[in-house]
Amino acid sequence: MRLPITLKANEKVQLINLSQVVRVVAYKGAEVKTSLNVSFAGTNSAPLTYEARVTDEDGTIIENLKADGFIAESLCGKDAMLSGNLSLLVNGSSAQAFVSTGTALLTLKIVDCNQ
């Protein structure tokens, strides 16, 4: 996901809330880790992660990766590029998993740089 944002000289944009539903179908013996990372170009934010281990039976896991409140902000007075990446890591001998996602929901707020 990439979202360009045009700002005025005295503005910055803040990412306030973030949510994405992730559905993982994993087979017996799989260790699964999903990671959602959303940030502005030139900045970093902590990824939202979910880990699960499927031991005895095949299973479907539905998880809402969610963060409420302030997450990240752009640089002041420059146009911003919001980027997002969802990754899936599967470990285990002959382990298999499939992932599907819902729409990422987020709240962006444009604020004055002096605030």
PDB file of N, CA and C in Angstrom:
ATOM      1  N   MET A   1       0.844  -1.169   0.000  1.00  0.00           N
ATOM      2  CA  MET A   1       0.000   0.000   0.000  1.00  0.00           C
ATOM      3  C   MET A   1       0.890   1.234   0.000  1.00  0.00           C
ATOM      4  N   ARG A   2       0.575   2.181  -0.852  1.00  0.00           N
ATOM      5  CA  ARG A   2       1.288   3.462  -0.863  1.00  0.00           C
ATOM      6  C   ARG A   2       0.248   4.559  -1.076  1.00  0.00           C
ATOM      7  N   LEU A   3       0.304   5.584  -0.239  1.00  0.00           N
ATOM      8  CA  LEU A   3      -0.649   6.683  -0.291  1.00  0.00           C
ATOM      9  C   LEU A   3       0.104   8.009  -0.232  1.00  0.00           C
ATOM     10  N   PRO A   4       0.161   8.750  -1.356  1.00  0.00           N
ATOM     11  CA  PRO A   4       0.819  10.060  -1.325  1.00  0.00           C
ATOM     12  C   PRO A   4      -0.095  11.098  -0.681  1.00  0.00           C
ATOM     13  N   ILE A   5       0.490  12.003   0.114  1.00  0.00           N
ATOM     14  CA  ILE A   5      -0.267  13.035   0.815  1.00  0.00           C
ATOM     15  C   ILE A   5       0.414  14.373   0.582  1.00  0.00           C
ATOM     16  N   THR A   6      -0.331  15.346   0.054  1.00  0.00           N
ATOM     17  CA  THR A   6       0.199  16.678  -0.205  1.00  0.00           C
ATOM     18  C   THR A   6      -0.115  17.579   0.984  1.00  0.00           C
ATOM     19  N   LEU A   7       0.922  18.260   1.484  1.00  0.00           N
ATOM     20  CA  LEU A   7       0.779  19.113   2.662  1.00  0.00           C
ATOM     21  C   LEU A   7       1.248  20.528   2.368  1.00  0.00           C
ATOM     22  N   LYS A   8       0.743  21.472   3.152  1.00  0.00           N
ATOM     23  CA  LYS A   8       1.211  22.852   3.078  1.00  0.00           C
ATOM     24  C   LYS A   8       2.519  22.971   3.858  1.00  0.00           C
ATOM     25  N   ALA A   9       3.195  24.108   3.718  1.00  0.00           N
ATOM     26  CA  ALA A   9       4.514  24.308   4.320  1.00  0.00           C
ATOM     27  C   ALA A   9       4.513  24.159   5.840  1.00  0.00           C
ATOM     28  N   ASN A  10       3.413  24.480   6.492  1.00  0.00           N
ATOM     29  CA  ASN A  10       3.382  24.440   7.958  1.00  0.00           C
ATOM     30  C   ASN A  10       2.549  23.267   8.503  1.00  0.00           C
ATOM     31  N   GLU A  11       2.392  22.215   7.710  1.00  0.00           N
ATOM     32  CA  GLU A  11       1.562  21.087   8.129  1.00  0.00           C
ATOM     33  C   GLU A  11       2.354  19.793   8.203  1.00  0.00           C
ATOM     34  N   LYS A  12       1.844  18.867   9.024  1.00  0.00           N
ATOM     35  CA  LYS A  12       2.312  17.492   9.067  1.00  0.00           C
ATOM     36  C   LYS A  12       1.080  16.607   9.223  1.00  0.00           C
ATOM     37  N   VAL A  13       1.215  15.344   8.902  1.00  0.00           N
ATOM     38  CA  VAL A  13       0.088  14.424   9.011  1.00  0.00           C
ATOM     39  C   VAL A  13       0.431  13.364  10.053  1.00  0.00           C
ATOM     40  N   GLN A  14      -0.564  13.033  10.868  1.00  0.00           N
ATOM     41  CA  GLN A  14      -0.392  12.029  11.909  1.00  0.00           C
ATOM     42  C   GLN A  14      -1.273  10.818  11.611  1.00  0.00           C
ATOM     43  N   LEU A  15      -0.723   9.647  11.837  1.00  0.00           N
ATOM     44  CA  LEU A  15      -1.476   8.406  11.768  1.00  0.00           C
ATOM     45  C   LEU A  15      -1.927   8.106  13.190  1.00  0.00           C
ATOM     46  N   ILE A  16      -3.255   8.112  13.400  1.00  0.00           N
ATOM     47  CA  ILE A  16      -3.800   8.014  14.748  1.00  0.00           C
ATOM     48  C   ILE A  16      -4.257   6.590  15.088  1.00  0.00           C
ATOM     49  N   ASN A  17      -5.032   5.960  14.255  1.00  0.00           N
ATOM     50  CA  ASN A  17      -5.559   4.617  14.516  1.00  0.00           C
ATOM     51  C   ASN A  17      -5.294   3.726  13.309  1.00  0.00           C
ATOM     52  N   LEU A  18      -5.151   2.433  13.557  1.00  0.00           N
ATOM     53  CA  LEU A  18      -4.887   1.490  12.477  1.00  0.00           C
ATOM     54  C   LEU A  18      -5.507   0.149  12.822  1.00  0.00           C
ATOM     55  N   SER A  19      -6.159  -0.465  11.835  1.00  0.00           N
ATOM     56  CA  SER A  19      -6.788  -1.761  12.052  1.00  0.00           C
ATOM     57  C   SER A  19      -6.833  -2.528  10.739  1.00  0.00           C
ATOM     58  N   GLN A  20      -6.514  -3.818  10.791  1.00  0.00           N
ATOM     59  CA  GLN A  20      -6.650  -4.678   9.622  1.00  0.00           C
ATOM     60  C   GLN A  20      -6.937  -6.103  10.085  1.00  0.00           C
ATOM     61  N   VAL A  21      -7.974  -6.699   9.515  1.00  0.00           N
ATOM     62  CA  VAL A  21      -8.309  -8.082   9.824  1.00  0.00           C
ATOM     63  C   VAL A  21      -7.449  -8.990   8.950  1.00  0.00           C
ATOM     64  N   VAL A  22      -6.836  -9.984   9.594  1.00  0.00           N
ATOM     65  CA  VAL A  22      -5.993 -10.950   8.905  1.00  0.00           C
ATOM     66  C   VAL A  22      -6.566 -12.338   9.169  1.00  0.00           C
ATOM     67  N   ARG A  23      -6.763 -13.096   8.109  1.00  0.00           N
ATOM     68  CA  ARG A  23      -7.277 -14.471   8.219  1.00  0.00           C
ATOM     69  C   ARG A  23      -6.184 -15.409   7.743  1.00  0.00           C
ATOM     70  N   VAL A  24      -5.760 -16.297   8.631  1.00  0.00           N
ATOM     71  CA  VAL A  24      -4.699 -17.242   8.307  1.00  0.00           C
ATOM     72  C   VAL A  24      -5.266 -18.657   8.384  1.00  0.00           C
ATOM     73  N   VAL A  25      -5.055 -19.427   7.332  1.00  0.00           N
ATOM     74  CA  VAL A  25      -5.366 -20.853   7.347  1.00  0.00           C
ATOM     75  C   VAL A  25      -4.026 -21.572   7.430  1.00  0.00           C
ATOM     76  N   ALA A  26      -3.799 -22.280   8.530  1.00  0.00           N
ATOM     77  CA  ALA A  26      -2.518 -22.949   8.748  1.00  0.00           C
ATOM     78  C   ALA A  26      -2.747 -24.440   8.976  1.00  0.00           C
ATOM     79  N   TYR A  27      -1.766 -25.231   8.564  1.00  0.00           N
ATOM     80  CA  TYR A  27      -1.874 -26.679   8.685  1.00  0.00           C
ATOM     81  C   TYR A  27      -1.008 -27.192   9.826  1.00  0.00           C
ATOM     82  N   LYS A  28      -1.358 -28.362  10.303  1.00  0.00           N
ATOM     83  CA  LYS A  28      -0.725 -28.985  11.473  1.00  0.00           C
ATOM     84  C   LYS A  28       0.802 -28.810  11.461  1.00  0.00           C
ATOM     85  N   GLY A  29       1.327 -28.366  12.599  1.00  0.00           N
ATOM     86  CA  GLY A  29       2.761 -28.202  12.761  1.00  0.00           C
ATOM     87  C   GLY A  29       3.305 -26.840  12.345  1.00  0.00           C
ATOM     88  N   ALA A  30       2.454 -25.960  11.878  1.00  0.00           N
ATOM     89  CA  ALA A  30       2.929 -24.661  11.407  1.00  0.00           C
ATOM     90  C   ALA A  30       3.045 -23.660  12.553  1.00  0.00           C
ATOM     91  N   GLU A  31       4.080 -22.863  12.511  1.00  0.00           N
ATOM     92  CA  GLU A  31       4.217 -21.691  13.369  1.00  0.00           C
ATOM     93  C   GLU A  31       4.079 -20.488  12.459  1.00  0.00           C
ATOM     94  N   VAL A  32       3.141 -19.614  12.781  1.00  0.00           N
ATOM     95  CA  VAL A  32       2.784 -18.513  11.894  1.00  0.00           C
ATOM     96  C   VAL A  32       2.990 -17.182  12.602  1.00  0.00           C
ATOM     97  N   LYS A  33       3.593 -16.232  11.908  1.00  0.00           N
ATOM     98  CA  LYS A  33       3.734 -14.874  12.426  1.00  0.00           C
ATOM     99  C   LYS A  33       3.340 -13.895  11.322  1.00  0.00           C
ATOM    100  N   THR A  34       2.384 -13.034  11.635  1.00  0.00           N
ATOM    101  CA  THR A  34       2.020 -11.973  10.701  1.00  0.00           C
ATOM    102  C   THR A  34       2.510 -10.650  11.271  1.00  0.00           C
ATOM    103  N   SER A  35       2.878  -9.742  10.398  1.00  0.00           N
ATOM    104  CA  SER A  35       3.391  -8.444  10.816  1.00  0.00           C
ATOM    105  C   SER A  35       2.865  -7.376   9.872  1.00  0.00           C
ATOM    106  N   LEU A  36       2.239  -6.347  10.434  1.00  0.00           N
ATOM    107  CA  LEU A  36       1.731  -5.214   9.666  1.00  0.00           C
ATOM    108  C   LEU A  36       2.548  -3.990  10.053  1.00  0.00           C
ATOM    109  N   ASN A  37       3.196  -3.378   9.070  1.00  0.00           N
ATOM    110  CA  ASN A  37       4.009  -2.204   9.326  1.00  0.00           C
ATOM    111  C   ASN A  37       3.533  -1.063   8.439  1.00  0.00           C
ATOM    112  N   VAL A  38       3.123   0.040   9.062  1.00  0.00           N
ATOM    113  CA  VAL A  38       2.679   1.225   8.335  1.00  0.00           C
ATOM    114  C   VAL A  38       3.495   2.405   8.841  1.00  0.00           C
ATOM    115  N   SER A  39       4.102   3.153   7.911  1.00  0.00           N
ATOM    116  CA  SER A  39       4.922   4.291   8.314  1.00  0.00           C
ATOM    117  C   SER A  39       4.985   5.308   7.189  1.00  0.00           C
ATOM    118  N   PHE A  40       5.450   6.497   7.535  1.00  0.00           N
ATOM    119  CA  PHE A  40       5.688   7.537   6.550  1.00  0.00           C
ATOM    120  C   PHE A  40       7.120   7.417   6.052  1.00  0.00           C
ATOM    121  N   ALA A  41       7.354   7.711   4.774  1.00  0.00           N
ATOM    122  CA  ALA A  41       8.698   7.670   4.216  1.00  0.00           C
ATOM    123  C   ALA A  41       9.621   8.544   5.065  1.00  0.00           C
ATOM    124  N   GLY A  42      10.779   8.016   5.398  1.00  0.00           N
ATOM    125  CA  GLY A  42      11.739   8.754   6.206  1.00  0.00           C
ATOM    126  C   GLY A  42      11.533   8.615   7.699  1.00  0.00           C
ATOM    127  N   THR A  43      10.521   7.840   8.123  1.00  0.00           N
ATOM    128  CA  THR A  43      10.253   7.625   9.550  1.00  0.00           C
ATOM    129  C   THR A  43      10.065   6.135   9.805  1.00  0.00           C
ATOM    130  N   ASN A  44      10.009   5.755  11.051  1.00  0.00           N
ATOM    131  CA  ASN A  44       9.780   4.357  11.436  1.00  0.00           C
ATOM    132  C   ASN A  44       8.606   4.277  12.401  1.00  0.00           C
ATOM    133  N   SER A  45       7.939   3.153  12.406  1.00  0.00           N
ATOM    134  CA  SER A  45       6.914   2.880  13.410  1.00  0.00           C
ATOM    135  C   SER A  45       7.024   1.414  13.792  1.00  0.00           C
ATOM    136  N   ALA A  46       6.546   1.081  14.961  1.00  0.00           N
ATOM    137  CA  ALA A  46       6.604  -0.309  15.424  1.00  0.00           C
ATOM    138  C   ALA A  46       5.551  -1.130  14.693  1.00  0.00           C
ATOM    139  N   PRO A  47       5.923  -2.300  14.169  1.00  0.00           N
ATOM    140  CA  PRO A  47       4.933  -3.133  13.482  1.00  0.00           C
ATOM    141  C   PRO A  47       3.960  -3.770  14.468  1.00  0.00           C
ATOM    142  N   LEU A  48       2.741  -4.018  13.991  1.00  0.00           N
ATOM    143  CA  LEU A  48       1.754  -4.773  14.762  1.00  0.00           C
ATOM    144  C   LEU A  48       1.955  -6.234  14.398  1.00  0.00           C
ATOM    145  N   THR A  49       2.101  -7.104  15.387  1.00  0.00           N
ATOM    146  CA  THR A  49       2.391  -8.505  15.089  1.00  0.00           C
ATOM    147  C   THR A  49       1.405  -9.438  15.786  1.00  0.00           C
ATOM    148  N   TYR A  50       1.249 -10.609  15.213  1.00  0.00           N
ATOM    149  CA  TYR A  50       0.440 -11.675  15.807  1.00  0.00           C
ATOM    150  C   TYR A  50       1.173 -12.985  15.531  1.00  0.00           C
ATOM    151  N   GLU A  51       1.323 -13.809  16.548  1.00  0.00           N
ATOM    152  CA  GLU A  51       1.991 -15.096  16.389  1.00  0.00           C
ATOM    153  C   GLU A  51       1.078 -16.216  16.870  1.00  0.00           C
ATOM    154  N   ALA A  52       1.112 -17.348  16.160  1.00  0.00           N
ATOM    155  CA  ALA A  52       0.299 -18.501  16.553  1.00  0.00           C
ATOM    156  C   ALA A  52       1.029 -19.774  16.172  1.00  0.00           C
ATOM    157  N   ARG A  53       0.727 -20.841  16.900  1.00  0.00           N
ATOM    158  CA  ARG A  53       1.287 -22.153  16.588  1.00  0.00           C
ATOM    159  C   ARG A  53       0.120 -23.122  16.439  1.00  0.00           C
ATOM    160  N   VAL A  54       0.061 -23.804  15.302  1.00  0.00           N
ATOM    161  CA  VAL A  54      -0.954 -24.819  15.058  1.00  0.00           C
ATOM    162  C   VAL A  54      -0.284 -26.157  15.348  1.00  0.00           C
ATOM    163  N   THR A  55      -0.721 -26.845  16.405  1.00  0.00           N
ATOM    164  CA  THR A  55      -0.006 -28.054  16.841  1.00  0.00           C
ATOM    165  C   THR A  55      -0.710 -29.346  16.446  1.00  0.00           C
ATOM    166  N   ASP A  56      -1.953 -29.517  16.835  1.00  0.00           N
ATOM    167  CA  ASP A  56      -2.608 -30.815  16.664  1.00  0.00           C
ATOM    168  C   ASP A  56      -3.492 -30.919  15.436  1.00  0.00           C
ATOM    169  N   GLU A  57      -4.153 -29.837  15.089  1.00  0.00           N
ATOM    170  CA  GLU A  57      -5.116 -29.896  13.992  1.00  0.00           C
ATOM    171  C   GLU A  57      -4.900 -28.702  13.067  1.00  0.00           C
ATOM    172  N   ASP A  58      -5.389 -28.870  11.841  1.00  0.00           N
ATOM    173  CA  ASP A  58      -5.403 -27.733  10.933  1.00  0.00           C
ATOM    174  C   ASP A  58      -6.324 -26.678  11.533  1.00  0.00           C
ATOM    175  N   GLY A  59      -6.065 -25.431  11.236  1.00  0.00           N
ATOM    176  CA  GLY A  59      -6.907 -24.408  11.840  1.00  0.00           C
ATOM    177  C   GLY A  59      -6.964 -23.124  11.048  1.00  0.00           C
ATOM    178  N   THR A  60      -8.011 -22.378  11.303  1.00  0.00           N
ATOM    179  CA  THR A  60      -8.177 -21.052  10.735  1.00  0.00           C
ATOM    180  C   THR A  60      -8.103 -20.057  11.874  1.00  0.00           C
ATOM    181  N   ILE A  61      -7.276 -19.049  11.710  1.00  0.00           N
ATOM    182  CA  ILE A  61      -7.092 -18.016  12.718  1.00  0.00           C
ATOM    183  C   ILE A  61      -7.534 -16.697  12.111  1.00  0.00           C
ATOM    184  N   ILE A  62      -8.415 -16.002  12.806  1.00  0.00           N
ATOM    185  CA  ILE A  62      -8.823 -14.673  12.363  1.00  0.00           C
ATOM    186  C   ILE A  62      -8.415 -13.704  13.460  1.00  0.00           C
ATOM    187  N   GLU A  63      -7.580 -12.745  13.105  1.00  0.00           N
ATOM    188  CA  GLU A  63      -7.035 -11.802  14.084  1.00  0.00           C
ATOM    189  C   GLU A  63      -7.173 -10.383  13.544  1.00  0.00           C
ATOM    190  N   ASN A  64      -7.554  -9.476  14.428  1.00  0.00           N
ATOM    191  CA  ASN A  64      -7.621  -8.066  14.059  1.00  0.00           C
ATOM    192  C   ASN A  64      -6.362  -7.384  14.584  1.00  0.00           C
ATOM    193  N   LEU A  65      -5.435  -7.052  13.679  1.00  0.00           N
ATOM    194  CA  LEU A  65      -4.244  -6.312  14.063  1.00  0.00           C
ATOM    195  C   LEU A  65      -4.684  -4.869  14.254  1.00  0.00           C
ATOM    196  N   LYS A  66      -4.528  -4.342  15.464  1.00  0.00           N
ATOM    197  CA  LYS A  66      -5.135  -3.056  15.779  1.00  0.00           C
ATOM    198  C   LYS A  66      -4.251  -2.247  16.720  1.00  0.00           C
ATOM    199  N   ALA A  67      -4.169  -0.953  16.448  1.00  0.00           N
ATOM    200  CA  ALA A  67      -3.490  -0.018  17.342  1.00  0.00           C
ATOM    201  C   ALA A  67      -4.350   1.232  17.444  1.00  0.00           C
ATOM    202  N   ASP A  68      -4.642   1.645  18.662  1.00  0.00           N
ATOM    203  CA  ASP A  68      -5.423   2.858  18.897  1.00  0.00           C
ATOM    204  C   ASP A  68      -4.496   3.951  19.397  1.00  0.00           C
ATOM    205  N   GLY A  69      -4.797   5.178  19.019  1.00  0.00           N
ATOM    206  CA  GLY A  69      -3.988   6.308  19.468  1.00  0.00           C
ATOM    207  C   GLY A  69      -2.888   6.633  18.476  1.00  0.00           C
ATOM    208  N   PHE A  70      -1.975   7.492  18.901  1.00  0.00           N
ATOM    209  CA  PHE A  70      -0.899   7.971  18.037  1.00  0.00           C
ATOM    210  C   PHE A  70       0.033   6.832  17.643  1.00  0.00           C
ATOM    211  N   ILE A  71       0.332   6.744  16.334  1.00  0.00           N
ATOM    212  CA  ILE A  71       1.220   5.710  15.829  1.00  0.00           C
ATOM    213  C   ILE A  71       2.476   6.314  15.210  1.00  0.00           C
ATOM    214  N   ALA A  72       2.290   7.291  14.326  1.00  0.00           N
ATOM    215  CA  ALA A  72       3.429   7.892  13.619  1.00  0.00           C
ATOM    216  C   ALA A  72       3.015   9.236  13.054  1.00  0.00           C
ATOM    217  N   GLU A  73       4.023  10.050  12.668  1.00  0.00           N
ATOM    218  CA  GLU A  73       3.729  11.306  11.991  1.00  0.00           C
ATOM    219  C   GLU A  73       4.776  11.566  10.929  1.00  0.00           C
ATOM    220  N   SER A  74       4.390  12.389   9.951  1.00  0.00           N
ATOM    221  CA  SER A  74       5.282  12.726   8.850  1.00  0.00           C
ATOM    222  C   SER A  74       6.241  13.833   9.268  1.00  0.00           C
ATOM    223  N   LEU A  75       7.179  14.107   8.398  1.00  0.00           N
ATOM    224  CA  LEU A  75       8.060  15.238   8.602  1.00  0.00           C
ATOM    225  C   LEU A  75       7.271  16.524   8.384  1.00  0.00           C
ATOM    226  N   CYS A  76       7.683  17.583   9.021  1.00  0.00           N
ATOM    227  CA  CYS A  76       6.954  18.847   8.959  1.00  0.00           C
ATOM    228  C   CYS A  76       7.205  19.575   7.635  1.00  0.00           C
ATOM    229  N   GLY A  77       6.108  20.051   7.019  1.00  0.00           N
ATOM    230  CA  GLY A  77       6.196  20.910   5.855  1.00  0.00           C
ATOM    231  C   GLY A  77       6.586  20.241   4.561  1.00  0.00           C
ATOM    232  N   LYS A  78       6.573  18.921   4.512  1.00  0.00           N
ATOM    233  CA  LYS A  78       6.940  18.199   3.293  1.00  0.00           C
ATOM    234  C   LYS A  78       5.815  17.239   2.930  1.00  0.00           C
ATOM    235  N   ASP A  79       5.610  17.050   1.625  1.00  0.00           N
ATOM    236  CA  ASP A  79       4.648  16.047   1.203  1.00  0.00           C
ATOM    237  C   ASP A  79       5.061  14.698   1.779  1.00  0.00           C
ATOM    238  N   ALA A  80       4.075  13.866   2.062  1.00  0.00           N
ATOM    239  CA  ALA A  80       4.344  12.597   2.734  1.00  0.00           C
ATOM    240  C   ALA A  80       3.917  11.422   1.867  1.00  0.00           C
ATOM    241  N   MET A  81       4.562  10.296   2.083  1.00  0.00           N
ATOM    242  CA  MET A  81       4.177   9.041   1.447  1.00  0.00           C
ATOM    243  C   MET A  81       3.945   8.038   2.564  1.00  0.00           C
ATOM    244  N   LEU A  82       2.706   7.611   2.704  1.00  0.00           N
ATOM    245  CA  LEU A  82       2.360   6.599   3.695  1.00  0.00           C
ATOM    246  C   LEU A  82       2.492   5.232   3.035  1.00  0.00           C
ATOM    247  N   SER A  83       3.260   4.356   3.633  1.00  0.00           N
ATOM    248  CA  SER A  83       3.485   3.023   3.073  1.00  0.00           C
ATOM    249  C   SER A  83       3.071   1.962   4.082  1.00  0.00           C
ATOM    250  N   GLY A  84       2.547   0.870   3.563  1.00  0.00           N
ATOM    251  CA  GLY A  84       2.153  -0.235   4.426  1.00  0.00           C
ATOM    252  C   GLY A  84       2.598  -1.556   3.844  1.00  0.00           C
ATOM    253  N   ASN A  85       2.941  -2.489   4.722  1.00  0.00           N
ATOM    254  CA  ASN A  85       3.377  -3.803   4.293  1.00  0.00           C
ATOM    255  C   ASN A  85       2.877  -4.849   5.288  1.00  0.00           C
ATOM    256  N   LEU A  86       2.263  -5.883   4.769  1.00  0.00           N
ATOM    257  CA  LEU A  86       1.829  -7.007   5.591  1.00  0.00           C
ATOM    258  C   LEU A  86       2.663  -8.215   5.186  1.00  0.00           C
ATOM    259  N   SER A  87       3.292  -8.862   6.160  1.00  0.00           N
ATOM    260  CA  SER A  87       4.101 -10.037   5.852  1.00  0.00           C
ATOM    261  C   SER A  87       3.609 -11.235   6.661  1.00  0.00           C
ATOM    262  N   LEU A  88       3.908 -12.406   6.154  1.00  0.00           N
ATOM    263  CA  LEU A  88       3.556 -13.664   6.800  1.00  0.00           C
ATOM    264  C   LEU A  88       4.783 -14.556   6.787  1.00  0.00           C
ATOM    265  N   LEU A  89       5.145 -15.077   7.947  1.00  0.00           N
ATOM    266  CA  LEU A  89       6.269 -15.996   8.077  1.00  0.00           C
ATOM    267  C   LEU A  89       5.734 -17.326   8.594  1.00  0.00           C
ATOM    268  N   VAL A  90       6.055 -18.399   7.902  1.00  0.00           N
ATOM    269  CA  VAL A  90       5.601 -19.736   8.291  1.00  0.00           C
ATOM    270  C   VAL A  90       6.827 -20.607   8.536  1.00  0.00           C
ATOM    271  N   ASN A  91       6.899 -21.234   9.709  1.00  0.00           N
ATOM    272  CA  ASN A  91       7.984 -22.152  10.052  1.00  0.00           C
ATOM    273  C   ASN A  91       7.409 -23.519  10.360  1.00  0.00           C
ATOM    274  N   GLY A  92       8.217 -24.538  10.157  1.00  0.00           N
ATOM    275  CA  GLY A  92       7.822 -25.903  10.482  1.00  0.00           C
ATOM    276  C   GLY A  92       8.148 -26.831   9.331  1.00  0.00           C
ATOM    277  N   SER A  93       8.433 -28.074   9.656  1.00  0.00           N
ATOM    278  CA  SER A  93       8.738 -29.033   8.597  1.00  0.00           C
ATOM    279  C   SER A  93       7.472 -29.279   7.791  1.00  0.00           C
ATOM    280  N   SER A  94       7.557 -29.093   6.520  1.00  0.00           N
ATOM    281  CA  SER A  94       6.443 -29.211   5.564  1.00  0.00           C
ATOM    282  C   SER A  94       5.211 -28.403   5.991  1.00  0.00           C
ATOM    283  N   ALA A  95       5.435 -27.271   6.650  1.00  0.00           N
ATOM    284  CA  ALA A  95       4.326 -26.421   7.097  1.00  0.00           C
ATOM    285  C   ALA A  95       3.792 -25.610   5.928  1.00  0.00           C
ATOM    286  N   GLN A  96       2.497 -25.392   5.946  1.00  0.00           N
ATOM    287  CA  GLN A  96       1.846 -24.569   4.926  1.00  0.00           C
ATOM    288  C   GLN A  96       0.845 -23.653   5.600  1.00  0.00           C
ATOM    289  N   ALA A  97       0.702 -22.459   5.027  1.00  0.00           N
ATOM    290  CA  ALA A  97      -0.301 -21.515   5.517  1.00  0.00           C
ATOM    291  C   ALA A  97      -0.673 -20.573   4.394  1.00  0.00           C
ATOM    292  N   PHE A  98      -1.864 -20.055   4.479  1.00  0.00           N
ATOM    293  CA  PHE A  98      -2.362 -19.093   3.510  1.00  0.00           C
ATOM    294  C   PHE A  98      -2.933 -17.909   4.282  1.00  0.00           C
ATOM    295  N   VAL A  99      -2.813 -16.723   3.732  1.00  0.00           N
ATOM    296  CA  VAL A  99      -3.305 -15.535   4.423  1.00  0.00           C
ATOM    297  C   VAL A  99      -4.183 -14.719   3.479  1.00  0.00           C
ATOM    298  N   SER A 100      -5.237 -14.156   4.033  1.00  0.00           N
ATOM    299  CA  SER A 100      -6.051 -13.185   3.304  1.00  0.00           C
ATOM    300  C   SER A 100      -6.323 -12.033   4.263  1.00  0.00           C
ATOM    301  N   THR A 101      -6.564 -10.867   3.704  1.00  0.00           N
ATOM    302  CA  THR A 101      -6.729  -9.688   4.548  1.00  0.00           C
ATOM    303  C   THR A 101      -7.978  -8.921   4.170  1.00  0.00           C
ATOM    304  N   GLY A 102      -8.466  -8.159   5.135  1.00  0.00           N
ATOM    305  CA  GLY A 102      -9.536  -7.213   4.880  1.00  0.00           C
ATOM    306  C   GLY A 102      -8.925  -5.854   4.576  1.00  0.00           C
ATOM    307  N   THR A 103      -9.753  -4.888   4.387  1.00  0.00           N
ATOM    308  CA  THR A 103      -9.304  -3.532   4.117  1.00  0.00           C
ATOM    309  C   THR A 103      -8.636  -2.951   5.360  1.00  0.00           C
ATOM    310  N   ALA A 104      -7.509  -2.277   5.144  1.00  0.00           N
ATOM    311  CA  ALA A 104      -6.856  -1.573   6.253  1.00  0.00           C
ATOM    312  C   ALA A 104      -7.647  -0.298   6.544  1.00  0.00           C
ATOM    313  N   LEU A 105      -7.998  -0.109   7.804  1.00  0.00           N
ATOM    314  CA  LEU A 105      -8.713   1.086   8.232  1.00  0.00           C
ATOM    315  C   LEU A 105      -7.770   1.932   9.056  1.00  0.00           C
ATOM    316  N   LEU A 106      -7.670   3.212   8.723  1.00  0.00           N
ATOM    317  CA  LEU A 106      -6.768   4.085   9.456  1.00  0.00           C
ATOM    318  C   LEU A 106      -7.337   5.488   9.532  1.00  0.00           C
ATOM    319  N   THR A 107      -6.862   6.231  10.519  1.00  0.00           N
ATOM    320  CA  THR A 107      -7.266   7.621  10.699  1.00  0.00           C
ATOM    321  C   THR A 107      -6.045   8.503  10.519  1.00  0.00           C
ATOM    322  N   LEU A 108      -6.149   9.439   9.599  1.00  0.00           N
ATOM    323  CA  LEU A 108      -5.088  10.414   9.370  1.00  0.00           C
ATOM    324  C   LEU A 108      -5.582  11.778   9.813  1.00  0.00           C
ATOM    325  N   LYS A 109      -4.699  12.548  10.431  1.00  0.00           N
ATOM    326  CA  LYS A 109      -5.059  13.878  10.914  1.00  0.00           C
ATOM    327  C   LYS A 109      -3.973  14.857  10.488  1.00  0.00           C
ATOM    328  N   ILE A 110      -4.373  15.926   9.781  1.00  0.00           N
ATOM    329  CA  ILE A 110      -3.428  16.954   9.382  1.00  0.00           C
ATOM    330  C   ILE A 110      -3.416  18.022  10.464  1.00  0.00           C
ATOM    331  N   VAL A 111      -2.230  18.327  10.983  1.00  0.00           N
ATOM    332  CA  VAL A 111      -2.094  19.281  12.072  1.00  0.00           C
ATOM    333  C   VAL A 111      -1.033  20.330  11.729  1.00  0.00           C
ATOM    334  N   ASP A 112      -1.086  21.449  12.418  1.00  0.00           N
ATOM    335  CA  ASP A 112      -0.095  22.512  12.287  1.00  0.00           C
ATOM    336  C   ASP A 112       1.223  22.036  12.896  1.00  0.00           C
ATOM    337  N   CYS A 113       2.329  22.350  12.268  1.00  0.00           N
ATOM    338  CA  CYS A 113       3.641  21.923  12.769  1.00  0.00           C
ATOM    339  C   CYS A 113       3.965  22.502  14.143  1.00  0.00           C
ATOM    340  N   ASN A 114       3.349  23.607  14.506  1.00  0.00           N
ATOM    341  CA  ASN A 114       3.652  24.260  15.777  1.00  0.00           C
ATOM    342  C   ASN A 114       2.873  23.664  16.957  1.00  0.00           C
ATOM    343  N   GLN A 115       2.022  22.698  16.694  1.00  0.00           N
ATOM    344  CA  GLN A 115       1.251  22.089  17.785  1.00  0.00           C
ATOM    345  C   GLN A 115       2.052  21.021  18.484  1.00  0.00           C
TER     346      GLN A 115
END
